[in-house]
Every structure is written in C-alpha cells, then in structure tokens.
C-alpha cells in the first residue's frame, strides 16, 4: 500500500469526498468538496467511485512524496504541477513512481484544485464521510508538514474500479461571472430596489471568504421588514443577507440553520463556479426560474 508524505501542505489543503448528507437535524452540515463536479471528474479519471476521498487545495497546492507507485489526476482550478522534471497535465490520469515528488503550484485562475489518487485516501470516516468540515471540526485536520496519507487499493500504479463516463471539466470562470439564482424564499423581506440591485449590480468577493461562505461586498441590500427570522434550514448556495446588507453566499461547510433572510438561492449548475470564486473577483447574479 502506497504512503504519501506531506513535504509542504500548501495554503489550505483538506481531504474531501461528497460529504455527510442526512445529519442536518443534529446541526451537522453536509460539507464535502466545494466543487463537487471537479471531485467527481478527478475520481473517475483514476478509476475511483465518485465519492472517494481526495485532496482539495486552496490557491496554492502541496508538495507530496510517494513511497510507492500511484495514479493521480488533477482537476478544477488550473495549476502548474510537476513530478521531477515532468509537467503533469490537468484532467488526465498520470502514473507516479516510488520516490517521486508531486508539486502542485499556485492556481492560475479560479481557486480550488482537486488531486485524486487511484483507490482513494484511506482515512477514518466520521458519520459516514472522510470530509474535513471547517465549521464543526469533523473529519481529518487540514494537511500539515510531515503528515502521512495512506492510499487504498492502488496496485502497481494502476487505478482500480469500474470505468465511468467522464463528466466535462468545470469550465473556467469568465472575468465577470454571472451566477444563476432563483429568487426567494425570503425575497419579500427586501425592497424592490434591493431585488433590482441584486440582479443588476456588481459584487466583489471579500478576503474573508472561506469554505463556509463567500462574503460579498457591494451596495447594501435594504430590507423592507425589521427584525430577524427564527432559524431556518440552510442549503449550499443560499444567499443570506445580514443586517449590514452585504450578502453571504453559503458553500459546503455552511451551518445547518440560520436566521438571516435568504434573498435567493443559486441554481445547482452555478454551485461549482461559486466554489471557484477568488477574493477580489467581481461577479453578477442572473435570475432564472425553476421549470
């Protein structure tokens, strides 16, 4: 069984799978990969099931050393990745030999890169998942220098498991992304001018953003009703608006409940793009209706 030593952890590298659904009633969010489509693609490229545990990097990736052969694939935010003198392409499986170092560089665009290994990472499950949840602290800690990861089931560098169709790579974000939203369920808490501002204005991603939520800066969204709601269930993609009027777009590690009114919710097709937003990036929202 191949082991991987962390020589440098990168800015924030966590272990992620497809999360732990079904525990919101006890306050546990789903968590899991922020860009789930990139995780699925990385796993299929190395022959894993979609939800196998892999690495999610943030802006700058790790340096890893392998004591045995392994098949790896990188998806999501494009990076310069090297093994020795070899350049590793994005969105393709590559075999690494014993003793090789994998260096995952800084994302050229977008934010999060996924690194999957043939067989997946062997890590204890918490409530059925290996995902690192930064809100609750469940799951393994983010990678640190000297950590050792065990890979499961990668035999001689050959990925195992049934072949699966490859989903297309998540498209890179344009300079000014337009994320699709469905208005509500609490859009009636806001003035008509605020609804117009949400759908026509431009917002900037705050430096305070993380896996819990993307904090946005722009002209404040004003309410037409005072006070706060009793706590309600939250979903990834919900756009909460605190009293200061600056929206928060919830991501994978969002709390299970919240009391700020939700003015709109991202369409599921826009969630991968939201997970790839970088601090300082500008974006707009576009209203769509559910058919």
Foldseek 3Di string as FASTA:
>chain_A
DKKKAFQAAAPWKWKFFQAQPDCLVVWAFRFGDLQLLFQQQFQLQQAHHSGFIWMKHWQAGTKMAMQAKKKKAKADQDWFKDWVPDTDDHSHIDMDGGGIMIGTGGGPAFTIMIMAIQQHWDADDDNRTQGQQPPPRPHDHTDHHGDMIDHPDQPRHHHDHDRDDRDDGDDTADLAAAFEKAFDPVLLQFDPVLVVCQAPPKWFFAPPADQQWTWIDDPATHTPDDDWADKDADDQQFWFAPHRRTTIHGTRNHIRIDTGGGGIGTDPSRSSVRNRDDGGGMYHYHYDDDD
